[in-house]
Amino acid sequence: MKFLDFFYKYIQSYTNIDRGTKYYELTPDLFINKWAFNTIKPTVSYDDFESSLKELFPDDLESLYVLCFYIYTLVCNTFFLKLRPTAKEINDELDKMDEIASVTFTNKAGKSLCVNTTYLIDEMMKTVRGDDRSNEYETDELVKIDQISNNLYLQSNFVMNLVFFFNKYYPIKRKKDSLVSVDEQKLILKILYLFKLSPVEVTNSRFRQFKMCFDRFKFCSQLVSLPQRENGQCEYHTVAMLKWKQWKDGKIDFLSSDIEPLSDGSSVKICDY
């Protein structure tokens, strides 16, 4: 537990809420409790972890295993809050279409109705188009990271949290501007593979990519209070908000796409989700 205690105290990010109270998305006590009751399960056994790393890491492998599972649990519980389309986003999409020739309605049973009368289409478009001057967004759905993103976001968060740990816990001399040594990079990437966050063992050349991805998104999350469906009580979540135009086409490739921040003066209305 010594590595986990150090990580929680000195590295894990948190949000200040009422009167300086620190909010953590996960705590060691909650983690141990979930693990004890099999609410969470590691993706690699300790025996496999130990046999794979004993030549790479001469220190306390059991403490490292607990820390890695904690970080894995933490990053896999990253949340995104999908936002509904605004009038401006809908208008922008409609503007991309030269002339709308038909509109098709389909019910859940698969039965369709096609409207192709010019007058009816024009009236529909007047209704669909709204006042695009509003800066208010509405929430659509709270989703976990694996529902909205490719694996790069998970990988970069997992890797960089371990990087910060090794950098602070082992204050050894490293190359200029390097957070970890080449051997530490090799160890971290091996752990990434063992925890099944990568289908293959990646090389040290990927490190720069992971750091770039992490740096791009580390300031995108914010703390929000969301009502729970089960009991109506509010619960805090640290989330990154995603505009409709970013998630409407499916999972996001964070290698080529940034999380677009909301413009100054924007507000978000929390709706049932």
Protein backbone atom coordinates (compact mmCIF):
# COMPACT_ATOMS: atom_id res chain seq x y z
CA MET A 1 0.00 0.00 0.00
CA LYS A 2 2.97 2.35 0.36
CA PHE A 3 2.97 3.28 -3.35
CA LEU A 4 -0.79 3.82 -3.34
CA ASP A 5 -0.65 6.04 -0.26
CA PHE A 6 2.08 8.14 -1.86
CA PHE A 7 0.19 8.45 -5.14
CA TYR A 8 -3.03 9.50 -3.42
CA LYS A 9 -1.30 12.04 -1.21
CA TYR A 10 1.05 13.67 -3.70
CA ILE A 11 -0.04 12.91 -7.27
CA GLN A 12 -3.71 12.09 -7.75
CA SER A 13 -5.69 15.04 -9.07
CA TYR A 14 -8.65 16.42 -7.16
CA THR A 15 -11.13 19.28 -7.26
CA ASN A 16 -11.65 21.83 -4.51
CA ILE A 17 -15.33 22.14 -3.58
CA ASP A 18 -17.10 23.80 -0.66
CA ARG A 19 -14.69 25.68 1.63
CA GLY A 20 -11.61 23.96 0.29
CA THR A 21 -12.90 20.41 0.65
CA LYS A 22 -11.04 18.14 -1.75
CA TYR A 23 -13.09 15.87 -4.01
CA TYR A 24 -11.41 12.73 -5.38
CA GLU A 25 -13.04 10.57 -8.04
CA LEU A 26 -11.57 7.54 -6.24
CA THR A 27 -9.98 7.04 -2.81
CA PRO A 28 -7.84 4.16 -1.50
CA ASP A 29 -10.52 3.15 1.02
CA LEU A 30 -13.23 3.03 -1.62
CA PHE A 31 -10.92 1.16 -3.98
CA ILE A 32 -10.00 -1.50 -1.41
CA ASN A 33 -13.66 -1.91 -0.48
CA LYS A 34 -14.68 -2.41 -4.12
CA TRP A 35 -11.85 -4.88 -4.64
CA ALA A 36 -12.73 -6.84 -1.50
CA PHE A 37 -16.34 -7.26 -2.63
CA ASN A 38 -15.36 -8.08 -6.25
CA THR A 39 -17.05 -4.95 -7.59
CA ILE A 40 -13.85 -4.40 -9.54
CA LYS A 41 -11.43 -7.05 -10.79
CA PRO A 42 -7.89 -6.67 -12.11
CA THR A 43 -7.27 -7.67 -15.71
CA VAL A 44 -4.01 -9.40 -14.80
CA SER A 45 -3.26 -11.69 -11.86
CA TYR A 46 -0.52 -10.83 -9.41
CA ASP A 47 1.38 -14.03 -10.30
CA ASP A 48 1.52 -13.05 -13.99
CA PHE A 49 2.39 -9.49 -13.05
CA GLU A 50 5.24 -10.61 -10.82
CA SER A 51 6.70 -13.13 -13.24
CA SER A 52 6.65 -10.60 -16.09
CA LEU A 53 8.26 -7.73 -14.16
CA LYS A 54 10.61 -9.20 -11.58
CA GLU A 55 13.59 -8.63 -13.88
CA LEU A 56 12.53 -5.04 -14.63
CA PHE A 57 11.56 -3.86 -11.16
CA PRO A 58 13.65 -4.86 -8.13
CA ASP A 59 11.51 -3.00 -5.57
CA ASP A 60 8.15 -3.94 -3.99
CA LEU A 61 6.18 -5.55 -6.83
CA GLU A 62 3.11 -6.16 -4.68
CA SER A 63 2.80 -2.46 -3.89
CA LEU A 64 3.33 -1.63 -7.57
CA TYR A 65 0.59 -4.09 -8.54
CA VAL A 66 -1.89 -2.44 -6.16
CA LEU A 67 -0.97 1.02 -7.44
CA CYS A 68 -1.34 -0.01 -11.09
CA PHE A 69 -4.76 -1.56 -10.44
CA TYR A 70 -5.79 1.62 -8.62
CA ILE A 71 -4.72 3.83 -11.53
CA TYR A 72 -6.40 1.44 -13.97
CA THR A 73 -9.66 1.69 -12.01
CA LEU A 74 -9.33 5.46 -11.81
CA VAL A 75 -8.80 6.07 -15.53
CA CYS A 76 -11.41 3.52 -16.63
CA ASN A 77 -13.97 5.45 -14.60
CA THR A 78 -13.38 8.65 -16.54
CA PHE A 79 -16.72 10.16 -17.52
CA PHE A 80 -17.84 12.26 -20.44
CA LEU A 81 -21.01 14.32 -20.47
CA LYS A 82 -22.57 14.37 -23.92
CA LEU A 83 -24.33 17.63 -24.77
CA ARG A 84 -27.44 17.88 -26.92
CA PRO A 85 -27.22 19.74 -30.22
CA THR A 86 -27.73 23.49 -30.03
CA ALA A 87 -29.78 25.42 -32.56
CA LYS A 88 -26.57 26.75 -34.08
CA GLU A 89 -25.12 23.26 -34.53
CA ILE A 90 -28.34 22.07 -36.21
CA ASN A 91 -28.43 25.15 -38.43
CA ASP A 92 -24.79 24.63 -39.39
CA GLU A 93 -25.52 21.05 -40.44
CA LEU A 94 -28.55 22.14 -42.47
CA ASP A 95 -26.52 24.86 -44.16
CA LYS A 96 -24.14 22.21 -45.48
CA MET A 97 -26.99 20.72 -47.51
CA ASP A 98 -27.79 22.52 -50.77
CA GLU A 99 -31.43 21.50 -51.14
CA ILE A 100 -33.32 19.03 -48.96
CA ALA A 101 -35.37 16.85 -51.27
CA SER A 102 -37.06 14.63 -48.70
CA VAL A 103 -37.42 13.89 -44.99
CA THR A 104 -37.91 10.33 -43.73
CA PHE A 105 -39.47 9.33 -40.41
CA THR A 106 -38.89 5.79 -39.11
CA ASN A 107 -40.58 4.26 -36.06
CA LYS A 108 -39.06 1.65 -33.75
CA ALA A 109 -40.73 -1.15 -35.71
CA GLY A 110 -38.85 -0.04 -38.83
CA LYS A 111 -41.83 1.39 -40.68
CA SER A 112 -40.93 4.56 -42.62
CA LEU A 113 -42.73 7.61 -43.91
CA CYS A 114 -41.05 9.76 -46.56
CA VAL A 115 -42.10 13.39 -47.02
CA ASN A 116 -40.98 14.96 -50.28
CA THR A 117 -43.46 17.80 -50.75
CA THR A 118 -41.57 21.09 -51.03
CA TYR A 119 -44.06 23.08 -48.94
CA LEU A 120 -44.04 20.54 -46.08
CA ILE A 121 -40.26 20.32 -46.10
CA ASP A 122 -39.96 24.12 -45.93
CA GLU A 123 -42.34 24.23 -42.96
CA MET A 124 -40.39 21.48 -41.22
CA MET A 125 -37.13 23.32 -41.73
CA LYS A 126 -38.60 26.49 -40.21
CA THR A 127 -39.56 24.47 -37.16
CA VAL A 128 -36.23 22.65 -36.91
CA ARG A 129 -34.17 25.81 -37.27
CA GLY A 130 -34.01 27.77 -34.03
CA ASP A 131 -32.52 30.90 -32.56
CA ASP A 132 -28.79 30.21 -32.80
CA ARG A 133 -27.80 33.15 -30.62
CA SER A 134 -28.24 31.22 -27.39
CA ASN A 135 -25.15 29.98 -25.55
CA GLU A 136 -27.05 27.47 -23.44
CA TYR A 137 -26.31 23.77 -23.76
CA GLU A 138 -28.34 20.89 -22.38
CA THR A 139 -26.94 17.59 -21.14
CA ASP A 140 -27.83 14.44 -23.03
CA GLU A 141 -26.11 11.46 -21.40
CA LEU A 142 -23.34 10.57 -18.95
CA VAL A 143 -21.06 7.90 -20.44
CA LYS A 144 -17.83 6.19 -19.50
CA ILE A 145 -14.75 6.71 -21.59
CA ASP A 146 -14.91 3.36 -23.42
CA GLN A 147 -18.35 4.26 -24.79
CA ILE A 148 -17.18 7.44 -26.49
CA SER A 149 -13.46 7.17 -27.16
CA ASN A 150 -10.84 5.00 -28.72
CA ASN A 151 -8.17 3.55 -26.43
CA LEU A 152 -5.63 6.38 -26.72
CA TYR A 153 -7.25 8.52 -24.01
CA LEU A 154 -7.18 5.60 -21.55
CA GLN A 155 -3.64 4.66 -22.48
CA SER A 156 -2.25 8.17 -22.12
CA ASN A 157 -3.90 8.72 -18.72
CA PHE A 158 -2.70 5.39 -17.39
CA VAL A 159 0.85 5.90 -18.65
CA MET A 160 1.22 9.48 -17.46
CA ASN A 161 -0.10 8.77 -13.97
CA LEU A 162 2.58 6.09 -13.62
CA VAL A 163 5.15 8.50 -15.06
CA PHE A 164 4.31 11.10 -12.41
CA PHE A 165 4.56 8.46 -9.71
CA PHE A 166 8.00 7.19 -10.76
CA ASN A 167 9.26 10.73 -11.24
CA LYS A 168 8.31 11.80 -7.71
CA TYR A 169 8.82 8.59 -5.76
CA TYR A 170 12.25 7.89 -7.21
CA PRO A 171 14.09 11.23 -7.41
CA ILE A 172 17.01 9.88 -9.43
CA LYS A 173 19.03 11.79 -11.97
CA ARG A 174 17.48 11.50 -15.42
CA LYS A 175 18.18 12.99 -18.81
CA LYS A 176 17.41 16.68 -19.21
CA ASP A 177 13.64 17.32 -19.65
CA SER A 178 12.87 13.61 -19.13
CA LEU A 179 10.30 12.69 -16.53
CA VAL A 180 11.37 9.04 -16.46
CA SER A 181 14.35 7.03 -17.60
CA VAL A 182 14.40 4.72 -20.62
CA ASP A 183 14.20 1.69 -18.30
CA GLU A 184 11.22 3.22 -16.49
CA GLN A 185 9.51 3.83 -19.82
CA LYS A 186 10.02 0.19 -20.74
CA LEU A 187 8.55 -0.91 -17.42
CA ILE A 188 5.49 1.34 -17.73
CA LEU A 189 4.75 0.21 -21.28
CA LYS A 190 5.05 -3.41 -20.17
CA ILE A 191 2.48 -2.71 -17.44
CA LEU A 192 0.21 -1.04 -20.01
CA TYR A 193 0.22 -4.29 -21.96
CA LEU A 194 -0.23 -6.50 -18.91
CA PHE A 195 -3.35 -4.57 -17.88
CA LYS A 196 -4.73 -5.14 -21.40
CA LEU A 197 -4.84 -1.47 -22.29
CA SER A 198 -2.78 -2.28 -25.35
CA PRO A 199 -3.15 -5.42 -27.50
CA VAL A 200 0.62 -5.52 -28.09
CA GLU A 201 3.71 -4.31 -26.26
CA VAL A 202 4.41 -0.86 -27.65
CA THR A 203 7.86 0.64 -27.99
CA ASN A 204 9.34 3.64 -26.19
CA SER A 205 8.72 5.75 -29.29
CA ARG A 206 5.02 5.87 -28.32
CA PHE A 207 5.83 7.73 -25.13
CA ARG A 208 5.85 11.13 -26.77
CA GLN A 209 2.42 10.45 -28.28
CA PHE A 210 0.97 9.49 -24.90
CA LYS A 211 2.34 12.63 -23.28
CA MET A 212 1.01 14.86 -26.09
CA CYS A 213 -2.45 13.33 -25.77
CA PHE A 214 -2.44 13.72 -21.98
CA ASP A 215 -1.30 17.35 -22.18
CA ARG A 216 -4.06 18.18 -24.66
CA PHE A 217 -6.85 17.00 -22.39
CA LYS A 218 -5.67 17.42 -18.81
CA PHE A 219 -7.53 20.72 -18.31
CA CYS A 220 -10.76 19.68 -20.06
CA SER A 221 -12.49 18.04 -17.09
CA GLN A 222 -14.59 19.82 -14.48
CA LEU A 223 -16.62 18.85 -11.45
CA VAL A 224 -20.41 18.76 -11.84
CA SER A 225 -23.24 17.63 -9.58
CA LEU A 226 -25.63 15.28 -11.36
CA PRO A 227 -28.95 13.81 -10.13
CA GLN A 228 -29.09 10.03 -9.93
CA ARG A 229 -31.97 8.14 -11.55
CA GLU A 230 -32.22 5.59 -8.76
CA ASN A 231 -32.78 7.91 -5.80
CA GLY A 232 -32.86 11.48 -7.10
CA GLN A 233 -29.83 12.37 -4.97
CA CYS A 234 -27.04 14.45 -6.46
CA GLU A 235 -23.64 12.92 -7.00
CA TYR A 236 -20.38 14.55 -8.00
CA HIS A 237 -18.56 13.48 -11.13
CA THR A 238 -15.45 14.85 -12.79
CA VAL A 239 -16.39 15.00 -16.45
CA ALA A 240 -15.28 16.35 -19.79
CA MET A 241 -18.13 17.86 -21.76
CA LEU A 242 -18.53 16.91 -25.40
CA LYS A 243 -20.41 18.97 -27.94
CA TRP A 244 -22.89 17.11 -30.13
CA LYS A 245 -20.86 17.69 -33.29
CA GLN A 246 -18.00 15.74 -31.69
CA TRP A 247 -19.89 12.63 -30.64
CA LYS A 248 -22.71 12.42 -33.21
CA ASP A 249 -20.70 10.26 -35.64
CA GLY A 250 -19.62 7.63 -33.12
CA LYS A 251 -16.46 7.04 -31.12
CA ILE A 252 -13.88 9.82 -31.11
CA ASP A 253 -10.32 9.34 -32.30
CA PHE A 254 -8.42 11.51 -29.83
CA LEU A 255 -5.26 11.20 -31.88
CA SER A 256 -6.75 13.54 -34.47
CA SER A 257 -9.47 15.33 -32.54
CA ASP A 258 -9.40 17.74 -29.59
CA ILE A 259 -12.10 18.23 -26.98
CA GLU A 260 -13.53 21.56 -28.06
CA PRO A 261 -14.10 23.82 -25.02
CA LEU A 262 -17.35 25.70 -24.55
CA SER A 263 -17.18 29.35 -25.51
CA ASP A 264 -17.03 32.10 -22.87
CA GLY A 265 -20.45 32.93 -21.48
CA SER A 266 -21.87 29.49 -22.22
CA SER A 267 -24.06 27.72 -19.68
CA VAL A 268 -25.05 24.09 -19.30
CA LYS A 269 -28.50 22.98 -18.17
CA ILE A 270 -28.48 19.63 -16.36
CA CYS A 271 -31.33 17.50 -17.73
CA ASP A 272 -32.49 13.99 -16.92
CA TYR A 273 -30.20 11.46 -18.52
